[in-house]
Protein backbone atom coordinates (compact mmCIF):
# COMPACT_ATOMS: atom_id res chain seq x y z
CA MET A 1 -22.12 0.11 -59.92
CA LYS A 2 -19.30 -2.32 -60.67
CA LYS A 3 -17.19 0.59 -61.90
CA MET A 4 -18.02 2.60 -58.78
CA SER A 5 -17.13 -0.36 -56.53
CA PHE A 6 -13.82 -0.81 -58.33
CA LEU A 7 -12.96 2.88 -57.87
CA LEU A 8 -13.83 2.70 -54.17
CA LEU A 9 -11.58 -0.35 -53.82
CA ILE A 10 -8.68 1.47 -55.49
CA ALA A 11 -9.23 4.50 -53.25
CA SER A 12 -9.24 2.29 -50.18
CA LEU A 13 -5.99 0.61 -51.20
CA ILE A 14 -4.34 3.99 -51.76
CA LEU A 15 -5.53 5.17 -48.34
CA LEU A 16 -4.20 2.02 -46.64
CA SER A 17 -0.90 2.41 -48.43
CA ALA A 18 -0.63 6.00 -47.27
CA CYS A 19 -1.40 5.00 -43.69
CA SER A 20 1.23 2.29 -43.84
CA SER A 21 3.77 4.77 -45.19
CA ASN A 22 2.96 7.23 -42.41
CA THR A 23 3.37 4.49 -39.79
CA GLU A 24 6.85 3.63 -41.08
CA LYS A 25 7.80 7.28 -41.13
CA ALA A 26 6.58 7.79 -37.58
CA ALA A 27 8.87 5.01 -36.38
CA THR A 28 11.96 6.85 -37.59
CA THR A 29 11.08 10.54 -37.28
CA THR A 30 9.98 12.91 -34.54
CA ASP A 31 7.10 15.38 -34.71
CA SER A 32 9.58 18.02 -35.83
CA GLY A 33 10.52 15.88 -38.83
CA LYS A 34 13.88 14.82 -37.47
CA LYS A 35 15.14 11.27 -37.82
CA GLU A 36 15.30 9.57 -34.43
CA ILE A 37 17.22 6.55 -33.19
CA THR A 38 17.12 5.03 -29.73
CA VAL A 39 20.15 3.55 -28.00
CA TRP A 40 20.10 1.28 -24.94
CA ALA A 41 23.08 0.90 -22.59
CA TRP A 42 23.96 0.54 -18.91
CA ASP A 43 26.27 2.36 -16.46
CA PRO A 44 25.72 6.16 -16.42
CA ASN A 45 29.35 6.94 -15.57
CA PHE A 46 30.86 4.81 -18.34
CA ASN A 47 28.78 3.66 -21.31
CA ILE A 48 26.06 6.31 -21.04
CA ALA A 49 28.69 9.02 -20.61
CA ALA A 50 30.44 7.76 -23.76
CA LEU A 51 27.14 7.80 -25.66
CA LYS A 52 26.54 11.42 -24.72
CA LEU A 53 29.93 12.39 -26.12
CA ALA A 54 29.23 10.41 -29.31
CA LYS A 55 25.78 11.95 -29.63
CA ASP A 56 27.10 15.50 -29.34
CA ARG A 57 29.72 14.93 -32.04
CA TYR A 58 27.31 13.17 -34.40
CA VAL A 59 24.39 15.59 -34.03
CA ALA A 60 26.73 18.53 -34.64
CA LYS A 61 27.29 17.11 -38.13
CA HIS A 62 23.77 15.72 -38.56
CA PRO A 63 21.32 18.20 -37.03
CA ASP A 64 18.47 16.33 -38.70
CA VAL A 65 19.02 13.34 -36.36
CA ASN A 66 17.92 12.98 -32.74
CA VAL A 67 19.74 10.32 -30.69
CA ASN A 68 17.59 9.14 -27.80
CA ILE A 69 19.72 7.54 -25.06
CA VAL A 70 17.99 5.18 -22.62
CA GLU A 71 19.71 3.73 -19.55
CA TYR A 72 18.80 0.27 -18.26
CA ALA A 73 20.65 -2.16 -16.04
CA GLN A 74 22.49 -4.77 -18.12
CA ASN A 75 20.29 -7.62 -16.90
CA ASP A 76 17.18 -5.63 -17.82
CA ILE A 77 18.52 -5.08 -21.33
CA VAL A 78 19.18 -8.80 -21.73
CA GLN A 79 15.67 -9.64 -20.51
CA LYS A 80 13.94 -7.05 -22.70
CA MET A 81 15.95 -8.04 -25.77
CA ASN A 82 15.20 -11.74 -25.35
CA ALA A 83 11.51 -11.11 -24.71
CA GLY A 84 11.16 -8.88 -27.75
CA LEU A 85 13.18 -11.01 -30.17
CA ASN A 86 11.50 -14.20 -28.98
CA SER A 87 8.20 -12.66 -30.03
CA GLY A 88 9.57 -12.28 -33.53
CA SER A 89 9.27 -8.49 -33.48
CA THR A 90 11.62 -5.57 -32.87
CA LYS A 91 8.72 -3.36 -31.74
CA GLY A 92 9.62 -1.64 -28.50
CA LEU A 93 13.31 -2.44 -28.94
CA PRO A 94 16.05 0.11 -29.63
CA ASN A 95 17.86 0.83 -32.89
CA VAL A 96 21.25 0.39 -31.19
CA VAL A 97 22.02 -1.76 -28.17
CA LEU A 98 25.13 -2.40 -26.09
CA ILE A 99 25.81 -6.11 -25.49
CA GLU A 100 28.52 -7.59 -23.30
CA ASP A 101 31.01 -9.60 -25.33
CA TYR A 102 30.40 -12.75 -23.26
CA ARG A 103 26.70 -12.65 -24.28
CA ALA A 104 27.01 -11.52 -27.90
CA GLN A 105 27.02 -14.94 -29.58
CA ASN A 106 23.86 -15.95 -27.70
CA PHE A 107 22.02 -13.15 -29.47
CA LEU A 108 23.69 -13.43 -32.86
CA GLN A 109 23.16 -17.17 -33.12
CA ALA A 110 19.67 -17.26 -31.61
CA TYR A 111 18.36 -14.31 -33.68
CA PRO A 112 20.56 -14.23 -36.82
CA ASP A 113 18.08 -12.15 -38.83
CA SER A 114 17.50 -9.53 -36.15
CA PHE A 115 20.84 -7.73 -36.33
CA HIS A 116 22.16 -5.46 -39.04
CA ASP A 117 25.29 -6.57 -40.90
CA MET A 118 27.92 -3.86 -40.27
CA SER A 119 30.53 -5.39 -42.60
CA SER A 120 30.21 -2.56 -45.13
CA SER A 121 30.21 0.14 -42.44
CA ILE A 122 33.37 -0.78 -40.51
CA LYS A 123 36.50 -2.88 -41.02
CA ALA A 124 37.04 -5.63 -38.47
CA SER A 125 40.80 -5.25 -38.92
CA ASP A 126 40.56 -1.70 -37.55
CA PHE A 127 39.90 -3.09 -34.07
CA ALA A 128 41.77 -5.18 -31.51
CA ASP A 129 41.87 -8.74 -32.85
CA TYR A 130 40.48 -10.41 -29.74
CA LYS A 131 37.26 -8.35 -30.02
CA ILE A 132 36.32 -9.73 -33.45
CA GLY A 133 35.40 -13.27 -32.39
CA PRO A 134 32.49 -12.26 -30.14
CA THR A 135 31.17 -9.61 -32.52
CA SER A 136 31.09 -11.58 -35.78
CA TYR A 137 29.08 -14.57 -37.00
CA ASN A 138 29.10 -16.63 -40.21
CA GLY A 139 31.70 -14.39 -41.78
CA LYS A 140 29.78 -11.17 -41.13
CA GLN A 141 30.71 -8.36 -38.76
CA TYR A 142 27.68 -7.40 -36.68
CA GLY A 143 29.13 -5.62 -33.69
CA VAL A 144 31.12 -2.42 -33.50
CA PRO A 145 33.77 -3.23 -30.87
CA PHE A 146 33.73 -0.69 -28.07
CA ASP A 147 35.71 -0.67 -24.84
CA SER A 148 38.76 -2.77 -24.14
CA GLY A 149 38.43 -5.03 -21.12
CA VAL A 150 42.22 -5.35 -21.03
CA MET A 151 43.39 -6.32 -17.56
CA GLY A 152 46.16 -4.92 -15.41
CA LEU A 153 47.53 -5.52 -11.94
CA TYR A 154 46.98 -2.42 -9.81
CA VAL A 155 49.42 -2.41 -6.87
CA ARG A 156 49.98 -0.30 -3.75
CA THR A 157 53.58 0.86 -4.00
CA ASP A 158 53.78 1.85 -0.33
CA TYR A 159 52.81 -1.66 0.81
CA LEU A 160 55.32 -3.17 -1.59
CA GLU A 161 58.09 -0.98 -0.26
CA GLN A 162 57.29 -1.95 3.32
CA ALA A 163 57.74 -5.59 2.26
CA GLY A 164 61.01 -4.84 0.49
CA TYR A 165 59.76 -4.84 -3.10
CA LYS A 166 59.59 -2.37 -5.97
CA VAL A 167 57.16 -2.08 -8.87
CA ALA A 168 59.71 -3.74 -11.15
CA ASP A 169 59.52 -6.87 -8.98
CA LEU A 170 55.86 -7.31 -10.00
CA THR A 171 56.30 -6.49 -13.68
CA ASN A 172 55.69 -9.37 -16.12
CA ILE A 173 55.51 -11.99 -13.39
CA ASP A 174 53.65 -15.29 -13.10
CA TRP A 175 51.12 -16.13 -10.42
CA ASP A 176 53.59 -18.12 -8.33
CA LYS A 177 55.73 -14.99 -7.96
CA PHE A 178 52.60 -12.98 -7.17
CA ILE A 179 51.79 -15.38 -4.32
CA GLU A 180 55.36 -15.25 -3.03
CA ILE A 181 55.24 -11.44 -2.89
CA GLY A 182 51.74 -11.53 -1.46
CA LYS A 183 52.90 -13.61 1.49
CA ALA A 184 55.69 -11.13 2.24
CA VAL A 185 53.29 -8.19 2.01
CA LYS A 186 50.87 -9.91 4.37
CA GLN A 187 53.66 -10.65 6.85
CA LYS A 188 55.08 -7.12 6.82
CA THR A 189 51.91 -5.05 6.55
CA GLY A 190 49.07 -7.29 7.68
CA LYS A 191 47.26 -6.54 4.40
CA GLU A 192 45.82 -9.21 2.12
CA MET A 193 47.15 -9.13 -1.42
CA LEU A 194 43.76 -9.11 -3.17
CA THR A 195 40.01 -9.43 -2.62
CA GLN A 196 37.71 -12.06 -4.14
CA ASP A 197 34.01 -12.85 -4.31
CA PRO A 198 33.75 -16.67 -4.44
CA ASN A 199 30.68 -16.36 -6.67
CA ASP A 200 32.49 -14.21 -9.23
CA LEU A 201 34.88 -16.15 -11.46
CA GLY A 202 36.27 -13.13 -13.27
CA LEU A 203 39.82 -13.90 -12.14
CA ILE A 204 39.53 -17.46 -13.50
CA ARG A 205 38.33 -16.01 -16.82
CA GLY A 206 41.31 -13.68 -16.94
CA MET A 207 43.74 -16.49 -16.20
CA ILE A 208 42.50 -18.85 -18.91
CA GLN A 209 42.17 -16.18 -21.60
CA SER A 210 45.80 -15.20 -20.94
CA ALA A 211 46.58 -18.69 -22.29
CA GLY A 212 44.21 -18.41 -25.26
CA SER A 213 41.78 -20.87 -23.68
CA TRP A 214 38.11 -20.79 -22.67
CA TYR A 215 35.36 -22.89 -21.09
CA LEU A 216 34.32 -23.99 -24.57
CA LYS A 217 36.13 -25.44 -27.57
CA GLU A 218 36.72 -23.43 -30.74
CA ASP A 219 33.18 -24.13 -31.95
CA GLY A 220 31.89 -22.01 -29.07
CA LYS A 221 29.42 -24.71 -28.04
CA THR A 222 31.25 -27.83 -26.79
CA PRO A 223 32.27 -27.74 -23.09
CA ASN A 224 36.04 -27.75 -22.64
CA LEU A 225 36.55 -28.33 -18.93
CA ALA A 226 37.98 -31.80 -18.30
CA GLY A 227 41.40 -32.01 -19.94
CA ASN A 228 41.71 -28.21 -20.27
CA ALA A 229 45.30 -27.63 -19.12
CA ALA A 230 44.93 -23.87 -18.75
CA LEU A 231 41.74 -24.19 -16.71
CA LYS A 232 43.31 -26.81 -14.45
CA GLU A 233 46.33 -24.58 -13.85
CA ALA A 234 44.01 -21.64 -13.17
CA LEU A 235 42.15 -23.64 -10.52
CA LEU A 236 45.39 -24.80 -8.93
CA THR A 237 46.56 -21.19 -8.85
CA TYR A 238 43.24 -19.96 -7.48
CA LYS A 239 43.41 -22.44 -4.60
CA SER A 240 47.03 -21.50 -3.93
CA LEU A 241 45.92 -17.89 -3.44
CA PHE A 242 43.49 -18.97 -0.73
CA ASP A 243 45.90 -21.46 0.82
CA ALA A 244 48.49 -18.68 1.12
CA ASN A 245 46.00 -16.71 3.23
CA ILE A 246 46.38 -13.57 1.11
CA VAL A 247 42.75 -13.24 -0.05
CA LYS A 248 40.21 -10.93 1.57
CA MET A 249 36.70 -12.22 0.88
CA ASN A 250 33.94 -9.94 -0.39
CA ALA A 251 30.28 -10.62 -1.10
CA ASP A 252 29.33 -7.96 -3.63
CA TRP A 253 30.46 -5.01 -5.72
CA SER A 254 30.35 -2.47 -2.90
CA GLN A 255 32.52 -4.67 -0.69
CA PHE A 256 34.90 -5.18 -3.61
CA LEU A 257 35.32 -1.42 -3.98
CA ALA A 258 35.63 -0.90 -0.25
CA ALA A 259 38.45 -3.45 -0.02
CA PHE A 260 40.88 -1.30 -2.00
CA ASN A 261 39.44 2.15 -1.30
CA SER A 262 39.84 1.48 2.43
CA GLY A 263 43.43 0.28 1.97
CA ALA A 264 42.66 -3.29 3.08
CA VAL A 265 44.34 -4.97 0.08
CA ALA A 266 47.65 -4.44 -1.69
CA SER A 267 46.62 -5.15 -5.30
CA VAL A 268 43.66 -5.43 -7.67
CA PRO A 269 44.02 -7.71 -10.73
CA THR A 270 41.12 -6.74 -12.99
CA GLY A 271 39.93 -4.86 -16.08
CA ASN A 272 41.07 -1.31 -16.79
CA TRP A 273 37.50 -0.07 -16.27
CA ILE A 274 38.24 -0.13 -12.53
CA THR A 275 40.63 2.86 -12.84
CA PRO A 276 38.00 5.54 -12.01
CA SER A 277 36.92 3.55 -8.93
CA ILE A 278 40.49 3.27 -7.67
CA LYS A 279 41.10 6.98 -8.26
CA ALA A 280 37.90 7.78 -6.36
CA GLU A 281 39.90 7.60 -3.11
CA ALA A 282 41.87 10.85 -3.37
CA SER A 283 43.88 10.17 -0.24
CA GLN A 284 45.72 7.31 -2.01
CA SER A 285 47.02 9.44 -4.88
CA GLY A 286 50.63 8.59 -5.69
CA LYS A 287 50.42 5.27 -3.87
CA TRP A 288 49.31 3.14 -6.81
CA ALA A 289 51.01 1.70 -9.89
CA VAL A 290 49.79 -0.52 -12.75
CA VAL A 291 51.76 -3.47 -14.15
CA PRO A 292 50.87 -6.27 -16.60
CA PHE A 293 48.45 -9.01 -15.57
CA PRO A 294 50.33 -12.09 -14.21
CA LYS A 295 50.54 -15.18 -16.41
CA LEU A 296 50.08 -18.87 -15.60
CA LYS A 297 53.45 -20.42 -14.76
CA ASN A 298 53.05 -23.93 -16.14
CA VAL A 299 51.18 -23.10 -19.33
CA PRO A 300 53.61 -22.08 -22.12
CA GLU A 301 50.88 -20.30 -24.09
CA SER A 302 50.05 -17.92 -21.24
CA VAL A 303 51.10 -14.28 -21.68
CA ASN A 304 51.05 -11.20 -19.47
CA ALA A 305 47.85 -9.88 -21.03
CA SER A 306 44.17 -10.75 -20.76
CA SER A 307 40.69 -9.28 -20.81
CA LEU A 308 37.75 -9.07 -18.43
CA GLY A 309 34.37 -7.74 -19.48
CA GLY A 310 34.10 -5.40 -22.42
CA SER A 311 31.14 -4.82 -24.70
CA SER A 312 30.20 -3.78 -28.24
CA TRP A 313 27.44 -1.93 -30.12
CA TYR A 314 24.83 -3.59 -32.36
CA VAL A 315 22.18 -2.30 -34.76
CA LEU A 316 18.81 -4.05 -34.98
CA ASN A 317 17.13 -4.72 -38.31
CA SER A 318 14.25 -2.30 -37.90
CA ASP A 319 13.07 1.13 -39.07
CA GLY A 320 15.95 3.53 -38.74
CA GLN A 321 18.66 0.91 -39.18
CA ASP A 322 20.54 2.90 -41.84
CA THR A 323 20.70 5.98 -39.63
CA ALA A 324 21.71 3.84 -36.66
CA ALA A 325 24.47 2.17 -38.67
CA ASP A 326 25.74 5.55 -39.84
CA PHE A 327 25.76 6.82 -36.24
CA LEU A 328 27.99 3.94 -35.15
CA LYS A 329 30.16 4.17 -38.26
CA GLU A 330 30.93 7.85 -37.73
CA THR A 331 31.39 7.65 -33.96
CA PHE A 332 32.60 4.47 -32.27
CA GLY A 333 33.56 2.95 -35.62
CA SER A 334 36.09 5.58 -36.71
CA ASP A 335 36.17 8.83 -34.72
CA GLN A 336 39.65 8.99 -33.18
CA GLU A 337 38.96 12.32 -31.47
CA LEU A 338 35.92 10.80 -29.78
CA TYR A 339 38.13 8.08 -28.32
CA GLN A 340 40.56 10.74 -27.08
CA ASP A 341 37.66 12.49 -25.34
CA MET A 342 36.35 9.25 -23.86
CA LEU A 343 39.76 8.50 -22.41
CA SER A 344 40.51 11.95 -21.02
CA LYS A 345 37.00 12.67 -19.70
CA ILE A 346 35.75 9.20 -18.69
CA GLY A 347 38.77 6.91 -18.58
CA ILE A 348 37.58 4.58 -21.35
CA VAL A 349 40.25 2.63 -23.21
CA GLY A 350 38.77 1.81 -26.61
CA SER A 351 39.56 -1.07 -28.94
CA LEU A 352 39.87 0.97 -32.17
CA ASN A 353 43.51 0.46 -33.18
CA ALA A 354 43.93 3.89 -34.74
CA ALA A 355 42.80 5.51 -31.49
CA SER A 356 45.31 3.68 -29.30
CA SER A 357 47.72 6.61 -29.32
CA GLY A 358 47.51 10.37 -29.10
CA LYS A 359 47.74 13.16 -26.57
CA ALA A 360 45.27 11.58 -24.15
CA TYR A 361 47.42 8.46 -23.93
CA ASP A 362 50.58 10.49 -23.31
CA VAL A 363 49.22 12.16 -20.18
CA ALA A 364 51.23 11.33 -17.06
CA ASP A 365 48.83 10.49 -14.25
CA PRO A 366 50.02 11.72 -10.84
CA TYR A 367 47.65 9.30 -9.13
CA PHE A 368 49.82 6.50 -10.51
CA GLY A 369 53.13 8.16 -9.71
CA GLY A 370 53.27 10.08 -12.98
CA ASP A 371 53.04 6.93 -15.10
CA LYS A 372 51.34 6.94 -18.51
CA VAL A 373 49.01 4.10 -17.53
CA TYR A 374 46.59 4.46 -20.45
CA LYS A 375 49.43 4.09 -22.90
CA LYS A 376 50.23 0.80 -21.18
CA PHE A 377 46.64 -0.42 -21.42
CA ALA A 378 46.54 0.44 -25.13
CA GLU A 379 49.66 -1.63 -25.73
CA TRP A 380 48.41 -4.59 -23.67
CA THR A 381 45.11 -4.51 -25.59
CA LYS A 382 47.02 -5.56 -28.71
CA GLN A 383 48.49 -8.55 -26.85
CA VAL A 384 45.28 -10.10 -25.48
CA PRO A 385 44.81 -13.64 -26.86
CA LYS A 386 41.75 -14.15 -29.04
CA VAL A 387 39.27 -16.76 -27.82
CA ASN A 388 35.72 -17.76 -28.75
CA TYR A 389 33.46 -16.94 -25.78
CA GLY A 390 30.67 -18.84 -27.50
CA LEU A 391 27.21 -19.38 -26.10
CA HIS A 392 27.48 -20.59 -22.55
CA THR A 393 29.90 -18.54 -20.44
CA TYR A 394 27.52 -17.82 -17.58
CA ALA A 395 25.73 -21.18 -17.73
CA ILE A 396 29.07 -22.94 -17.30
CA GLU A 397 30.10 -20.56 -14.54
CA ASP A 398 26.94 -21.48 -12.62
CA ILE A 399 28.27 -25.04 -12.64
CA MET A 400 31.88 -24.06 -11.99
CA THR A 401 31.04 -21.81 -9.04
CA VAL A 402 29.65 -24.78 -7.10
CA GLU A 403 32.45 -27.12 -8.14
CA ILE A 404 35.16 -24.62 -7.27
CA GLN A 405 33.77 -24.33 -3.77
CA ASN A 406 33.94 -28.13 -3.56
CA TYR A 407 37.52 -27.90 -4.76
CA LEU A 408 38.48 -25.31 -2.16
CA ASN A 409 36.92 -27.59 0.44
CA GLY A 410 39.10 -30.55 -0.54
CA LYS A 411 37.71 -32.18 -3.68
CA ASP A 412 40.32 -33.37 -6.19
CA VAL A 413 40.87 -30.90 -9.04
CA ASP A 414 40.57 -33.53 -11.79
CA ALA A 415 37.34 -34.80 -10.25
CA VAL A 416 36.06 -31.21 -10.14
CA LEU A 417 36.71 -30.70 -13.83
CA LYS A 418 35.36 -34.11 -14.79
CA ASP A 419 32.12 -33.56 -12.87
CA ALA A 420 31.74 -30.03 -14.24
CA GLN A 421 32.25 -31.38 -17.75
CA GLY A 422 29.54 -33.99 -17.24
CA GLN A 423 27.08 -31.45 -15.89
CA ALA A 424 27.78 -29.03 -18.71
CA GLU A 425 27.32 -31.69 -21.38
CA ALA A 426 24.02 -32.74 -19.82
CA GLN A 427 22.65 -29.21 -19.44
CA LEU A 428 23.86 -27.62 -22.66
CA LYS A 429 22.64 -30.12 -25.22
């Protein structure tokens, strides 16, 4: 009987082991026996479109792999990721996820064991330098840098001409010159120079990164508001834009798009990802040009290049991680032809250095007067100052949004920064 019991126990253990093995296999294969990975991203016309191109190229070489693409809004991805990782499990989460660069360190530092180290799959030096800070942690490269958020100044050439200016007059300028030209454009054409949502501080972000500065110190945790010369100059400049009466207010994304598609504003200083939206208004073809992002006048470190937005790909430590890592390695991590396709078909400027040239970048765009605008963006990408976005970009902007409104309503700029610093230190302990 003892021998029989022992044999039954062994048989049971073997059966359990087999079941466990089948469960692991089911997590990484389909019913047809193919390996399967799931990728989460947002924006069907940009990131999802890029994923579909990457999937087609990868599956052509690896027919044994199925890439399942799932679209969620960015906020939904953040919520689902936090909920899942807080539970201590990757169950229900994807193999690959797109994370905005401003949010990356929050995930990497809060869940250091949940992401796959990509250091042996890609070389950080193969990508734009400013993208490495957000995507690495403790000397390891976790993210595969994706799109460049490099900024440009889109300008209406017809409005400029009516005010007596040419594109060259706006090339490599500072914000004081921008305001001077904006006043003339407003006087001659009745058009505001730009549009702004007072609850969106993207322009402030662009201004301070152009000087190699951020809301946080180099440790990515300590608030750097009071005494931040670049931030103070950015606020002074921001108020000068409003005081000059050259800003058209908007309340949301649709109003932002409508401001330039309707012809109500003469310029759009923002990330290159706006190009498809500008070109959506066919009647304005030939009336636009793109020049470098303005720099801060009184900050010597400021350059005519900055970034706004941008995101990168990450692999989770879960079943299928090796296949997921290989997918990123062979596509967004190295495939120069993929980046050519993404540019020509979608308008995506990537951050892979080796893909910053080629036939797609040499195409003259008639919408922009025959200029090779993507070639410009690729060059500016290399000039963007590297900063540490750290952990608290949006938390600090919640504080800054209120204080900036106080500033625009008359509060002293130093008092604004001092109070914001105090609030940030109290809230972000």
